[in-house]
Amino acid sequence: MSAAQRATMTPAQSRALAVALAVLAVVAVVALVAVPVALAHLHYNRAIADNADRLARYRRIAAQAPEYRKALDAMRARDGRRFFLKNTAANLAGAELQEIVKGAIETNGGRITTSQNPPPRDDGGMKQIVANVQFFATTPVLAKILYAVETSEPYLVIDNLSVRPLNAFRGFKPAAGQEPELNVQFDVVGWALPEPGTAPPPGAGADKAGAAKVGAEKAGAT
C-alpha cells in the first residue's frame, strides 16, 4: 500500500489495517515458536512409541525365559558330548577309536588281521578320526559287529565297507552247520571335539550344529 493510499484511508480503515498487521505479526511469532515445538513433540512421540513397542517385545521374551531355561536344562541332561570321542588330541582319539572298534569286533566273534589310523581330517571345528580295520567274520557275526558299532556311543559311522568270501571258487560248499568266513574291511569314523584353547575356523558353527542335530537324532532313536 502506497503512502497516498494510506493518506486517503479513513480512521476506521487505519485501525482495521493496524489490527490485521498485529494479528499477522502474532501469528508469525506463534508459528516460529509452535512449529518447532510441534515437530519436536512428533519426533519424541514416535521415539516413545518405538521404545514402548520394543519394551513390550522384551517383556514377552523375558516371560518365555523359564521355558528357555527348561529347554537348556533338557539339552544339558542329554549330554551331547557323549556322542564325541572323549579325547581331543588326535593320537589319543585314534587310540580310543581303535579300542572301541576292537572291542566290538572281538566281543562278537570276529578276528582282526590289520588295524590302522589314517591321518585325521578337519570337519569344521572338529576332527574326524578314522580307523581302518580288516578282519574275518561269518555273516551272522558281521551283522552283530555292524550293529554294535553303529549303536555305540560315541557316535560312529561305518564307511567303505568291503566284504569278500574267503573261498570264492565255484562249487565250494561249507560243511553242514558251518558258516563260511568272510574277509571284511571297513573304515569307522568318529568325531573329536577341538582341543581346549583352539579357535574354530570360520563356518564351524554350522558344522557343530549339524553334528549336534545328528547326535540329537541318535538320542531320540535310542
N, C-alpha and C. Protein backbone atom coordinates (compact mmCIF):
# COMPACT_ATOMS: atom_id res chain seq x y z
N MET A 1 0.86 -1.17 0.00
CA MET A 1 0.00 0.00 0.00
C MET A 1 0.90 1.22 0.00
N SER A 2 0.60 2.14 -0.92
CA SER A 2 1.42 3.34 -1.05
C SER A 2 1.07 4.37 0.01
N ALA A 3 1.93 5.38 0.14
CA ALA A 3 1.69 6.45 1.13
C ALA A 3 0.44 7.23 0.79
N ALA A 4 0.17 7.42 -0.52
CA ALA A 4 -1.02 8.17 -0.94
C ALA A 4 -2.28 7.42 -0.54
N GLN A 5 -2.24 6.09 -0.70
CA GLN A 5 -3.41 5.28 -0.34
C GLN A 5 -3.64 5.32 1.16
N ARG A 6 -2.51 5.29 1.93
CA ARG A 6 -2.69 5.36 3.37
C ARG A 6 -3.23 6.70 3.81
N ALA A 7 -2.83 7.72 3.07
CA ALA A 7 -3.30 9.06 3.44
C ALA A 7 -4.79 9.23 3.20
N THR A 8 -5.33 8.49 2.23
CA THR A 8 -6.76 8.62 1.90
C THR A 8 -7.62 7.68 2.72
N MET A 9 -7.02 6.82 3.61
CA MET A 9 -7.79 5.88 4.38
C MET A 9 -8.49 6.58 5.52
N THR A 10 -9.63 6.05 5.87
CA THR A 10 -10.40 6.60 6.98
C THR A 10 -9.80 6.07 8.28
N PRO A 11 -10.09 6.72 9.40
CA PRO A 11 -9.59 6.23 10.70
C PRO A 11 -9.99 4.77 10.96
N ALA A 12 -11.19 4.40 10.58
CA ALA A 12 -11.63 3.03 10.82
C ALA A 12 -10.80 2.03 10.00
N GLN A 13 -10.52 2.41 8.77
CA GLN A 13 -9.70 1.54 7.93
C GLN A 13 -8.29 1.43 8.47
N SER A 14 -7.77 2.53 8.96
CA SER A 14 -6.42 2.51 9.54
C SER A 14 -6.35 1.58 10.74
N ARG A 15 -7.40 1.67 11.60
CA ARG A 15 -7.41 0.78 12.77
C ARG A 15 -7.53 -0.68 12.35
N ALA A 16 -8.36 -0.94 11.34
CA ALA A 16 -8.51 -2.32 10.87
C ALA A 16 -7.20 -2.85 10.30
N LEU A 17 -6.50 -1.98 9.54
CA LEU A 17 -5.22 -2.38 8.98
C LEU A 17 -4.20 -2.66 10.09
N ALA A 18 -4.22 -1.78 11.11
CA ALA A 18 -3.28 -1.96 12.22
C ALA A 18 -3.57 -3.27 12.96
N VAL A 19 -4.84 -3.55 13.18
CA VAL A 19 -5.21 -4.80 13.85
C VAL A 19 -4.80 -6.01 13.02
N ALA A 20 -5.01 -5.94 11.72
CA ALA A 20 -4.65 -7.05 10.83
C ALA A 20 -3.15 -7.30 10.86
N LEU A 21 -2.37 -6.18 10.81
CA LEU A 21 -0.92 -6.32 10.86
C LEU A 21 -0.47 -6.92 12.20
N ALA A 22 -1.13 -6.49 13.29
CA ALA A 22 -0.78 -7.02 14.60
C ALA A 22 -1.09 -8.52 14.68
N VAL A 23 -2.26 -8.89 14.12
CA VAL A 23 -2.62 -10.32 14.13
C VAL A 23 -1.63 -11.13 13.32
N LEU A 24 -1.24 -10.61 12.15
CA LEU A 24 -0.26 -11.32 11.33
C LEU A 24 1.07 -11.47 12.05
N ALA A 25 1.47 -10.41 12.75
CA ALA A 25 2.74 -10.49 13.50
C ALA A 25 2.66 -11.53 14.60
N VAL A 26 1.50 -11.53 15.32
CA VAL A 26 1.34 -12.53 16.38
C VAL A 26 1.35 -13.95 15.81
N VAL A 27 0.63 -14.13 14.69
CA VAL A 27 0.58 -15.45 14.05
C VAL A 27 1.98 -15.89 13.63
N ALA A 28 2.76 -14.96 13.07
CA ALA A 28 4.12 -15.28 12.64
C ALA A 28 4.98 -15.69 13.82
N VAL A 29 4.85 -14.94 14.93
CA VAL A 29 5.64 -15.27 16.12
C VAL A 29 5.23 -16.63 16.68
N VAL A 30 3.91 -16.86 16.74
CA VAL A 30 3.42 -18.15 17.25
C VAL A 30 3.89 -19.29 16.35
N ALA A 31 3.86 -19.05 15.04
CA ALA A 31 4.30 -20.10 14.11
C ALA A 31 5.77 -20.40 14.30
N LEU A 32 6.58 -19.37 14.48
CA LEU A 32 8.01 -19.58 14.69
C LEU A 32 8.29 -20.40 15.94
N VAL A 33 7.44 -20.22 16.95
CA VAL A 33 7.64 -20.96 18.20
C VAL A 33 6.94 -22.32 18.16
N ALA A 34 5.71 -22.37 17.63
CA ALA A 34 4.88 -23.57 17.72
C ALA A 34 5.32 -24.67 16.76
N VAL A 35 5.75 -24.29 15.55
CA VAL A 35 6.10 -25.32 14.57
C VAL A 35 7.29 -26.17 15.05
N PRO A 36 8.41 -25.57 15.49
CA PRO A 36 9.49 -26.43 16.01
C PRO A 36 9.06 -27.28 17.20
N VAL A 37 8.23 -26.67 18.10
CA VAL A 37 7.76 -27.44 19.25
C VAL A 37 6.91 -28.63 18.80
N ALA A 38 6.02 -28.39 17.83
CA ALA A 38 5.17 -29.47 17.33
C ALA A 38 6.00 -30.57 16.66
N LEU A 39 7.03 -30.17 15.88
CA LEU A 39 7.89 -31.17 15.25
C LEU A 39 8.68 -31.97 16.29
N ALA A 40 9.14 -31.29 17.33
CA ALA A 40 9.87 -31.99 18.40
C ALA A 40 8.96 -32.98 19.11
N HIS A 41 7.70 -32.54 19.39
CA HIS A 41 6.74 -33.44 20.03
C HIS A 41 6.47 -34.66 19.15
N LEU A 42 6.34 -34.43 17.84
CA LEU A 42 6.10 -35.55 16.92
C LEU A 42 7.28 -36.53 16.94
N HIS A 43 8.50 -36.00 16.93
CA HIS A 43 9.69 -36.85 16.97
C HIS A 43 9.74 -37.68 18.25
N TYR A 44 9.53 -37.02 19.37
CA TYR A 44 9.62 -37.75 20.65
C TYR A 44 8.45 -38.71 20.85
N ASN A 45 7.28 -38.35 20.30
CA ASN A 45 6.15 -39.28 20.39
C ASN A 45 6.45 -40.57 19.61
N ARG A 46 7.07 -40.41 18.45
CA ARG A 46 7.44 -41.60 17.68
C ARG A 46 8.50 -42.42 18.42
N ALA A 47 9.49 -41.73 18.99
CA ALA A 47 10.53 -42.43 19.74
C ALA A 47 9.93 -43.17 20.94
N ILE A 48 9.01 -42.51 21.63
CA ILE A 48 8.36 -43.16 22.78
C ILE A 48 7.57 -44.38 22.34
N ALA A 49 6.86 -44.25 21.22
CA ALA A 49 6.08 -45.39 20.72
C ALA A 49 7.00 -46.56 20.33
N ASP A 50 8.13 -46.24 19.67
CA ASP A 50 9.07 -47.30 19.30
C ASP A 50 9.65 -47.98 20.53
N ASN A 51 10.04 -47.17 21.52
CA ASN A 51 10.60 -47.75 22.74
C ASN A 51 9.57 -48.59 23.50
N ALA A 52 8.31 -48.09 23.49
CA ALA A 52 7.26 -48.86 24.17
C ALA A 52 7.02 -50.19 23.48
N ASP A 53 7.05 -50.19 22.13
CA ASP A 53 6.89 -51.44 21.39
C ASP A 53 8.06 -52.39 21.66
N ARG A 54 9.30 -51.84 21.68
CA ARG A 54 10.47 -52.67 21.96
C ARG A 54 10.41 -53.23 23.38
N LEU A 55 9.98 -52.40 24.33
CA LEU A 55 9.86 -52.86 25.71
C LEU A 55 8.83 -53.97 25.83
N ALA A 56 7.73 -53.85 25.09
CA ALA A 56 6.71 -54.90 25.12
C ALA A 56 7.26 -56.21 24.58
N ARG A 57 8.06 -56.12 23.50
CA ARG A 57 8.67 -57.34 22.95
C ARG A 57 9.64 -57.96 23.94
N TYR A 58 10.45 -57.11 24.59
CA TYR A 58 11.40 -57.63 25.57
C TYR A 58 10.66 -58.30 26.73
N ARG A 59 9.54 -57.73 27.13
CA ARG A 59 8.77 -58.34 28.22
C ARG A 59 8.22 -59.70 27.80
N ARG A 60 7.76 -59.79 26.54
CA ARG A 60 7.27 -61.09 26.06
C ARG A 60 8.40 -62.12 26.03
N ILE A 61 9.59 -61.68 25.59
CA ILE A 61 10.73 -62.59 25.56
C ILE A 61 11.12 -62.99 26.98
N ALA A 62 11.14 -62.01 27.89
CA ALA A 62 11.50 -62.31 29.28
C ALA A 62 10.51 -63.28 29.91
N ALA A 63 9.24 -63.17 29.51
CA ALA A 63 8.23 -64.08 30.06
C ALA A 63 8.48 -65.52 29.62
N GLN A 64 9.19 -65.70 28.48
CA GLN A 64 9.49 -67.05 27.99
C GLN A 64 10.78 -67.61 28.57
N ALA A 65 11.47 -66.83 29.41
CA ALA A 65 12.75 -67.27 29.97
C ALA A 65 12.65 -68.61 30.70
N PRO A 66 11.62 -68.84 31.54
CA PRO A 66 11.54 -70.16 32.20
C PRO A 66 11.48 -71.33 31.22
N GLU A 67 10.75 -71.16 30.11
CA GLU A 67 10.68 -72.22 29.12
C GLU A 67 12.04 -72.45 28.46
N TYR A 68 12.76 -71.33 28.17
CA TYR A 68 14.09 -71.47 27.58
C TYR A 68 15.04 -72.17 28.55
N ARG A 69 14.96 -71.83 29.83
CA ARG A 69 15.82 -72.48 30.81
C ARG A 69 15.53 -73.97 30.90
N LYS A 70 14.25 -74.33 30.83
CA LYS A 70 13.89 -75.74 30.85
C LYS A 70 14.45 -76.46 29.63
N ALA A 71 14.36 -75.80 28.46
CA ALA A 71 14.90 -76.42 27.24
C ALA A 71 16.41 -76.60 27.33
N LEU A 72 17.11 -75.58 27.87
CA LEU A 72 18.56 -75.70 28.03
C LEU A 72 18.92 -76.80 29.01
N ASP A 73 18.17 -76.87 30.11
CA ASP A 73 18.43 -77.94 31.09
C ASP A 73 18.20 -79.32 30.46
N ALA A 74 17.18 -79.41 29.62
CA ALA A 74 16.91 -80.69 28.95
C ALA A 74 18.06 -81.06 28.01
N MET A 75 18.59 -80.06 27.29
CA MET A 75 19.72 -80.33 26.39
C MET A 75 20.96 -80.73 27.18
N ARG A 76 21.19 -80.05 28.32
CA ARG A 76 22.35 -80.43 29.15
C ARG A 76 22.18 -81.85 29.69
N ALA A 77 20.95 -82.21 30.05
CA ALA A 77 20.71 -83.54 30.59
C ALA A 77 20.99 -84.61 29.53
N ARG A 78 20.78 -84.26 28.27
CA ARG A 78 21.04 -85.24 27.22
C ARG A 78 22.53 -85.43 26.96
N ASP A 79 23.36 -84.50 27.45
CA ASP A 79 24.82 -84.62 27.39
C ASP A 79 25.30 -84.92 25.97
N GLY A 80 25.26 -83.90 25.12
CA GLY A 80 25.67 -84.09 23.73
C GLY A 80 27.13 -84.47 23.57
N ARG A 81 27.97 -84.21 24.59
CA ARG A 81 29.39 -84.57 24.47
C ARG A 81 29.60 -86.07 24.41
N ARG A 82 28.62 -86.84 24.86
CA ARG A 82 28.82 -88.30 24.86
C ARG A 82 28.85 -88.87 23.44
N PHE A 83 28.41 -88.07 22.45
CA PHE A 83 28.44 -88.54 21.07
C PHE A 83 29.80 -88.30 20.42
N PHE A 84 30.72 -87.65 21.14
CA PHE A 84 32.06 -87.41 20.63
C PHE A 84 33.06 -88.29 21.38
N LEU A 85 34.20 -88.53 20.76
CA LEU A 85 35.27 -89.24 21.44
C LEU A 85 35.72 -88.43 22.66
N LYS A 86 36.10 -89.11 23.71
CA LYS A 86 36.45 -88.43 24.96
C LYS A 86 37.73 -87.63 24.83
N ASN A 87 38.69 -88.14 24.06
CA ASN A 87 39.97 -87.45 23.90
C ASN A 87 39.89 -86.42 22.78
N THR A 88 40.58 -85.31 23.00
CA THR A 88 40.61 -84.26 21.98
C THR A 88 41.89 -84.29 21.16
N ALA A 89 42.98 -84.81 21.71
CA ALA A 89 44.23 -84.96 20.94
C ALA A 89 44.04 -86.05 19.89
N ALA A 90 44.54 -85.79 18.68
CA ALA A 90 44.29 -86.71 17.56
C ALA A 90 44.82 -88.10 17.84
N ASN A 91 46.04 -88.22 18.39
CA ASN A 91 46.61 -89.55 18.62
C ASN A 91 45.84 -90.32 19.69
N LEU A 92 45.43 -89.62 20.75
CA LEU A 92 44.66 -90.29 21.80
C LEU A 92 43.26 -90.66 21.32
N ALA A 93 42.66 -89.76 20.54
CA ALA A 93 41.34 -90.07 20.00
C ALA A 93 41.41 -91.25 19.05
N GLY A 94 42.50 -91.36 18.26
CA GLY A 94 42.66 -92.50 17.37
C GLY A 94 42.79 -93.80 18.14
N ALA A 95 43.58 -93.77 19.22
CA ALA A 95 43.72 -94.97 20.05
C ALA A 95 42.40 -95.35 20.70
N GLU A 96 41.66 -94.35 21.15
CA GLU A 96 40.35 -94.61 21.76
C GLU A 96 39.41 -95.27 20.75
N LEU A 97 39.41 -94.73 19.53
CA LEU A 97 38.54 -95.30 18.49
C LEU A 97 38.96 -96.73 18.17
N GLN A 98 40.25 -96.98 18.11
CA GLN A 98 40.72 -98.34 17.84
C GLN A 98 40.24 -99.32 18.91
N GLU A 99 40.29 -98.91 20.17
CA GLU A 99 39.84 -99.78 21.26
C GLU A 99 38.36 -100.08 21.14
N ILE A 100 37.57 -99.05 20.80
CA ILE A 100 36.12 -99.26 20.67
C ILE A 100 35.83 -100.26 19.56
N VAL A 101 36.46 -100.06 18.40
CA VAL A 101 36.22 -100.94 17.25
C VAL A 101 36.73 -102.35 17.55
N LYS A 102 37.90 -102.43 18.16
CA LYS A 102 38.46 -103.75 18.50
C LYS A 102 37.53 -104.50 19.45
N GLY A 103 36.99 -103.80 20.45
CA GLY A 103 36.07 -104.45 21.37
C GLY A 103 34.81 -104.93 20.68
N ALA A 104 34.26 -104.10 19.76
CA ALA A 104 33.05 -104.51 19.05
C ALA A 104 33.28 -105.73 18.19
N ILE A 105 34.45 -105.82 17.56
CA ILE A 105 34.73 -106.95 16.67
C ILE A 105 35.02 -108.22 17.47
N GLU A 106 35.94 -108.12 18.42
CA GLU A 106 36.36 -109.33 19.14
C GLU A 106 35.28 -109.84 20.08
N THR A 107 34.51 -108.94 20.67
CA THR A 107 33.45 -109.39 21.58
C THR A 107 32.39 -110.19 20.85
N ASN A 108 32.17 -109.87 19.59
CA ASN A 108 31.14 -110.56 18.82
C ASN A 108 31.68 -111.70 17.97
N GLY A 109 32.96 -112.06 18.14
CA GLY A 109 33.47 -113.25 17.47
C GLY A 109 34.28 -113.01 16.22
N GLY A 110 34.62 -111.77 15.89
CA GLY A 110 35.46 -111.51 14.73
C GLY A 110 36.93 -111.65 15.05
N ARG A 111 37.77 -111.81 14.02
CA ARG A 111 39.22 -111.95 14.19
C ARG A 111 39.92 -110.87 13.38
N ILE A 112 40.53 -109.91 14.07
CA ILE A 112 41.17 -108.78 13.41
C ILE A 112 42.50 -109.21 12.81
N THR A 113 42.74 -108.78 11.56
CA THR A 113 44.03 -109.05 10.91
C THR A 113 44.89 -107.79 10.83
N THR A 114 44.32 -106.68 10.48
CA THR A 114 45.07 -105.42 10.43
C THR A 114 44.18 -104.31 10.97
N SER A 115 44.84 -103.30 11.53
CA SER A 115 44.12 -102.14 12.06
C SER A 115 45.06 -100.95 12.04
N GLN A 116 44.59 -99.83 11.54
CA GLN A 116 45.42 -98.63 11.46
C GLN A 116 44.56 -97.38 11.48
N ASN A 117 45.21 -96.26 11.79
CA ASN A 117 44.53 -94.96 11.83
C ASN A 117 45.06 -94.05 10.73
N PRO A 118 44.29 -93.79 9.68
CA PRO A 118 44.70 -92.77 8.71
C PRO A 118 44.77 -91.40 9.39
N PRO A 119 45.43 -90.43 8.78
CA PRO A 119 45.51 -89.09 9.39
C PRO A 119 44.11 -88.51 9.61
N PRO A 120 43.91 -87.79 10.71
CA PRO A 120 42.59 -87.18 10.97
C PRO A 120 42.29 -86.09 9.95
N ARG A 121 41.01 -85.84 9.75
CA ARG A 121 40.57 -84.81 8.81
C ARG A 121 39.81 -83.72 9.57
N ASP A 122 39.99 -82.48 9.12
CA ASP A 122 39.24 -81.37 9.71
C ASP A 122 37.79 -81.43 9.26
N ASP A 123 36.90 -81.27 10.20
CA ASP A 123 35.46 -81.25 9.90
C ASP A 123 34.85 -80.06 10.61
N GLY A 124 35.03 -78.87 10.00
CA GLY A 124 34.60 -77.65 10.67
C GLY A 124 35.48 -77.39 11.87
N GLY A 125 34.87 -77.24 13.03
CA GLY A 125 35.64 -77.02 14.24
C GLY A 125 36.06 -78.30 14.93
N MET A 126 35.74 -79.45 14.35
CA MET A 126 36.05 -80.73 14.97
C MET A 126 37.05 -81.50 14.13
N LYS A 127 37.54 -82.62 14.69
CA LYS A 127 38.43 -83.52 13.96
C LYS A 127 37.70 -84.81 13.68
N GLN A 128 37.82 -85.26 12.45
CA GLN A 128 37.22 -86.53 12.04
C GLN A 128 38.29 -87.61 12.17
N ILE A 129 38.07 -88.53 13.10
CA ILE A 129 39.03 -89.60 13.38
C ILE A 129 38.57 -90.86 12.66
N VAL A 130 39.52 -91.53 12.00
CA VAL A 130 39.18 -92.71 11.18
C VAL A 130 40.02 -93.90 11.64
N ALA A 131 39.38 -95.06 11.74
CA ALA A 131 40.06 -96.32 11.99
C ALA A 131 39.76 -97.27 10.84
N ASN A 132 40.81 -97.73 10.18
CA ASN A 132 40.65 -98.69 9.08
C ASN A 132 40.96 -100.08 9.62
N VAL A 133 40.00 -101.00 9.50
CA VAL A 133 40.12 -102.32 10.13
C VAL A 133 39.81 -103.40 9.10
N GLN A 134 40.60 -104.49 9.15
CA GLN A 134 40.34 -105.67 8.32
C GLN A 134 40.26 -106.88 9.25
N PHE A 135 39.25 -107.73 9.04
CA PHE A 135 39.05 -108.85 9.95
C PHE A 135 38.29 -109.97 9.25
N PHE A 136 38.26 -111.14 9.91
CA PHE A 136 37.50 -112.29 9.43
C PHE A 136 36.26 -112.44 10.30
N ALA A 137 35.13 -112.76 9.67
CA ALA A 137 33.89 -112.96 10.41
C ALA A 137 32.90 -113.69 9.53
N THR A 138 32.04 -114.48 10.16
CA THR A 138 30.93 -115.08 9.42
C THR A 138 29.83 -114.04 9.23
N THR A 139 28.85 -114.38 8.42
CA THR A 139 27.77 -113.43 8.14
C THR A 139 27.00 -113.05 9.41
N PRO A 140 26.58 -113.98 10.26
CA PRO A 140 25.89 -113.58 11.49
C PRO A 140 26.77 -112.73 12.41
N VAL A 141 28.05 -113.09 12.49
CA VAL A 141 28.97 -112.31 13.33
C VAL A 141 29.14 -110.90 12.77
N LEU A 142 29.24 -110.79 11.45
CA LEU A 142 29.38 -109.47 10.83
C LEU A 142 28.16 -108.60 11.12
N ALA A 143 26.97 -109.19 11.09
CA ALA A 143 25.76 -108.42 11.39
C ALA A 143 25.81 -107.88 12.82
N LYS A 144 26.28 -108.72 13.76
CA LYS A 144 26.39 -108.28 15.15
C LYS A 144 27.42 -107.15 15.30
N ILE A 145 28.53 -107.28 14.57
CA ILE A 145 29.58 -106.26 14.66
C ILE A 145 29.09 -104.93 14.11
N LEU A 146 28.45 -104.96 12.97
CA LEU A 146 27.92 -103.72 12.39
C LEU A 146 26.91 -103.06 13.32
N TYR A 147 26.06 -103.86 13.91
CA TYR A 147 25.06 -103.32 14.85
C TYR A 147 25.75 -102.72 16.07
N ALA A 148 26.76 -103.41 16.59
CA ALA A 148 27.45 -102.93 17.78
C ALA A 148 28.15 -101.61 17.52
N VAL A 149 28.77 -101.48 16.35
CA VAL A 149 29.49 -100.24 16.03
C VAL A 149 28.52 -99.08 15.83
N GLU A 150 27.46 -99.31 15.09
CA GLU A 150 26.57 -98.21 14.72
C GLU A 150 25.63 -97.80 15.85
N THR A 151 25.50 -98.60 16.88
CA THR A 151 24.63 -98.22 18.01
C THR A 151 25.45 -97.84 19.24
N SER A 152 26.74 -97.69 19.06
CA SER A 152 27.60 -97.40 20.21
C SER A 152 27.62 -95.90 20.50
N GLU A 153 28.11 -95.56 21.65
CA GLU A 153 28.46 -94.19 21.99
C GLU A 153 29.94 -94.20 22.34
N PRO A 154 30.70 -93.28 21.75
CA PRO A 154 30.33 -92.12 20.93
C PRO A 154 29.75 -92.52 19.57
N TYR A 155 29.27 -91.50 18.87
CA TYR A 155 28.61 -91.72 17.59
C TYR A 155 29.66 -92.11 16.54
N LEU A 156 29.46 -93.27 15.91
CA LEU A 156 30.40 -93.79 14.91
C LEU A 156 29.65 -94.09 13.62
N VAL A 157 30.36 -93.96 12.52
CA VAL A 157 29.79 -94.23 11.20
C VAL A 157 30.71 -95.19 10.45
N ILE A 158 30.13 -96.20 9.82
CA ILE A 158 30.88 -97.17 9.02
C ILE A 158 30.89 -96.70 7.56
N ASP A 159 32.09 -96.70 6.97
CA ASP A 159 32.24 -96.23 5.59
C ASP A 159 33.17 -97.19 4.84
N ASN A 160 33.04 -97.19 3.52
CA ASN A 160 33.92 -98.00 2.65
C ASN A 160 33.91 -99.48 3.06
N LEU A 161 32.75 -100.03 3.24
CA LEU A 161 32.63 -101.44 3.63
C LEU A 161 32.91 -102.35 2.43
N SER A 162 33.81 -103.30 2.64
CA SER A 162 34.16 -104.27 1.60
C SER A 162 34.07 -105.67 2.21
N VAL A 163 33.31 -106.59 1.56
CA VAL A 163 33.12 -107.95 2.04
C VAL A 163 33.46 -108.92 0.91
N ARG A 164 34.42 -109.81 1.18
CA ARG A 164 34.81 -110.81 0.16
C ARG A 164 34.83 -112.20 0.81
N PRO A 165 34.31 -113.19 0.14
CA PRO A 165 34.36 -114.57 0.68
C PRO A 165 35.79 -115.11 0.61
N LEU A 166 36.14 -115.90 1.60
CA LEU A 166 37.48 -116.50 1.60
C LEU A 166 37.61 -117.60 0.56
N ASN A 167 36.53 -118.31 0.30
CA ASN A 167 36.52 -119.40 -0.69
C ASN A 167 35.57 -119.01 -1.80
N ALA A 168 36.10 -118.29 -2.77
CA ALA A 168 35.25 -117.73 -3.81
C ALA A 168 35.15 -118.61 -5.05
N PHE A 169 35.88 -119.75 -5.07
CA PHE A 169 35.83 -120.54 -6.30
C PHE A 169 34.48 -121.25 -6.43
N ARG A 170 34.08 -121.49 -7.66
CA ARG A 170 32.77 -122.04 -7.97
C ARG A 170 32.65 -123.48 -7.46
N GLY A 171 31.49 -123.76 -6.89
CA GLY A 171 31.20 -125.09 -6.42
C GLY A 171 31.58 -125.36 -4.99
N PHE A 172 32.19 -124.37 -4.30
CA PHE A 172 32.57 -124.58 -2.91
C PHE A 172 31.34 -124.64 -2.02
N LYS A 173 31.29 -125.62 -1.14
CA LYS A 173 30.19 -125.75 -0.20
C LYS A 173 30.77 -125.95 1.20
N PRO A 174 30.40 -125.09 2.15
CA PRO A 174 30.91 -125.27 3.51
C PRO A 174 30.31 -126.51 4.15
N ALA A 175 30.94 -126.98 5.21
CA ALA A 175 30.42 -128.14 5.93
C ALA A 175 29.07 -127.84 6.53
N ALA A 176 28.28 -128.86 6.73
CA ALA A 176 26.93 -128.67 7.26
C ALA A 176 26.99 -128.01 8.63
N GLY A 177 26.17 -126.99 8.79
CA GLY A 177 26.10 -126.28 10.06
C GLY A 177 27.24 -125.31 10.30
N GLN A 178 28.07 -125.10 9.30
CA GLN A 178 29.22 -124.20 9.44
C GLN A 178 29.07 -123.01 8.50
N GLU A 179 29.13 -121.81 9.06
CA GLU A 179 29.03 -120.60 8.26
C GLU A 179 30.40 -120.27 7.65
N PRO A 180 30.45 -119.98 6.35
CA PRO A 180 31.74 -119.61 5.74
C PRO A 180 32.22 -118.26 6.27
N GLU A 181 33.52 -118.11 6.41
CA GLU A 181 34.08 -116.85 6.87
C GLU A 181 34.24 -115.86 5.72
N LEU A 182 34.14 -114.60 6.07
CA LEU A 182 34.26 -113.52 5.10
C LEU A 182 35.47 -112.66 5.47
N ASN A 183 36.07 -112.11 4.46
CA ASN A 183 37.15 -111.14 4.67
C ASN A 183 36.52 -109.75 4.59
N VAL A 184 36.48 -109.05 5.72
CA VAL A 184 35.76 -107.78 5.81
C VAL A 184 36.76 -106.65 6.05
N GLN A 185 36.52 -105.53 5.39
CA GLN A 185 37.34 -104.33 5.62
C GLN A 185 36.42 -103.12 5.59
N PHE A 186 36.57 -102.24 6.56
CA PHE A 186 35.79 -101.00 6.56
C PHE A 186 36.52 -99.92 7.33
N ASP A 187 36.05 -98.69 7.13
CA ASP A 187 36.50 -97.53 7.90
C ASP A 187 35.43 -97.20 8.92
N VAL A 188 35.86 -96.93 10.13
CA VAL A 188 34.96 -96.45 11.18
C VAL A 188 35.34 -95.01 11.48
N VAL A 189 34.36 -94.13 11.39
CA VAL A 189 34.61 -92.69 11.54
C VAL A 189 33.97 -92.21 12.84
N GLY A 190 34.76 -91.49 13.64
CA GLY A 190 34.25 -90.83 14.84
C GLY A 190 34.69 -89.38 14.84
N TRP A 191 34.16 -88.59 15.76
CA TRP A 191 34.47 -87.16 15.82
C TRP A 191 35.03 -86.80 17.18
N ALA A 192 36.06 -85.96 17.17
CA ALA A 192 36.67 -85.45 18.40
C ALA A 192 36.47 -83.94 18.47
N LEU A 193 36.14 -83.44 19.65
CA LEU A 193 35.97 -82.01 19.84
C LEU A 193 37.32 -81.32 19.74
N PRO A 194 37.33 -80.01 19.42
CA PRO A 194 38.61 -79.30 19.33
C PRO A 194 39.30 -79.26 20.69
N GLU A 195 40.62 -79.22 20.65
CA GLU A 195 41.38 -79.16 21.88
C GLU A 195 41.15 -77.82 22.58
N PRO A 196 41.20 -77.78 23.91
CA PRO A 196 40.97 -76.52 24.64
C PRO A 196 41.92 -75.43 24.17
N GLY A 197 41.37 -74.25 23.98
CA GLY A 197 42.18 -73.13 23.53
C GLY A 197 42.32 -73.03 22.03
N THR A 198 41.76 -73.98 21.29
CA THR A 198 41.83 -73.95 19.84
C THR A 198 40.64 -73.19 19.29
N ALA A 199 40.90 -72.14 18.52
CA ALA A 199 39.82 -71.34 17.94
C ALA A 199 39.26 -72.06 16.73
N PRO A 200 37.93 -72.26 16.66
CA PRO A 200 37.35 -72.92 15.49
C PRO A 200 37.45 -72.04 14.27
N PRO A 201 37.65 -72.61 13.08
CA PRO A 201 37.71 -71.82 11.85
C PRO A 201 36.35 -71.27 11.49
N PRO A 202 36.32 -70.25 10.58
CA PRO A 202 35.04 -69.69 10.16
C PRO A 202 34.13 -70.77 9.58
N GLY A 203 32.84 -70.69 9.93
CA GLY A 203 31.87 -71.66 9.44
C GLY A 203 31.75 -72.88 10.30
N ALA A 204 32.51 -72.92 11.41
CA ALA A 204 32.44 -74.11 12.26
C ALA A 204 31.12 -74.22 12.97
N GLY A 205 30.42 -73.10 13.15
CA GLY A 205 29.14 -73.13 13.84
C GLY A 205 28.12 -74.00 13.14
N ALA A 206 28.08 -73.89 11.80
CA ALA A 206 27.12 -74.70 11.05
C ALA A 206 27.46 -76.18 11.17
N ASP A 207 28.80 -76.52 11.15
CA ASP A 207 29.18 -77.92 11.27
C ASP A 207 28.84 -78.45 12.65
N LYS A 208 29.06 -77.64 13.69
CA LYS A 208 28.71 -78.08 15.03
C LYS A 208 27.21 -78.29 15.16
N ALA A 209 26.45 -77.36 14.54
CA ALA A 209 25.00 -77.53 14.59
C ALA A 209 24.58 -78.81 13.91
N GLY A 210 25.25 -79.13 12.77
CA GLY A 210 24.93 -80.39 12.10
C GLY A 210 25.26 -81.60 12.93
N ALA A 211 26.42 -81.56 13.60
CA ALA A 211 26.79 -82.68 14.47
C ALA A 211 25.85 -82.81 15.64
N ALA A 212 25.44 -81.65 16.21
CA ALA A 212 24.50 -81.68 17.32
C ALA A 212 23.17 -82.27 16.88
N LYS A 213 22.75 -81.93 15.65
CA LYS A 213 21.49 -82.47 15.13
C LYS A 213 21.58 -83.98 14.98
N VAL A 214 22.74 -84.45 14.45
CA VAL A 214 22.92 -85.90 14.30
C VAL A 214 22.87 -86.58 15.65
N GLY A 215 23.54 -85.97 16.65
CA GLY A 215 23.54 -86.55 17.98
C GLY A 215 22.14 -86.57 18.57
N ALA A 216 21.37 -85.47 18.36
CA ALA A 216 20.01 -85.42 18.88
C ALA A 216 19.13 -86.48 18.23
N GLU A 217 19.34 -86.70 16.92
CA GLU A 217 18.55 -87.73 16.23
C GLU A 217 18.86 -89.11 16.80
N LYS A 218 20.16 -89.35 17.08
CA LYS A 218 20.51 -90.66 17.63
C LYS A 218 19.95 -90.81 19.04
N ALA A 219 19.99 -89.72 19.83
CA ALA A 219 19.43 -89.79 21.19
C ALA A 219 17.94 -90.08 21.13
N GLY A 220 17.24 -89.48 20.16
CA GLY A 220 15.81 -89.75 20.03
C GLY A 220 15.54 -91.17 19.60
N ALA A 221 16.45 -91.72 18.78
CA ALA A 221 16.25 -93.09 18.31
C ALA A 221 16.49 -94.10 19.41
N THR A 222 17.40 -93.77 20.35
CA THR A 222 17.68 -94.70 21.42
C THR A 222 16.74 -94.50 22.60
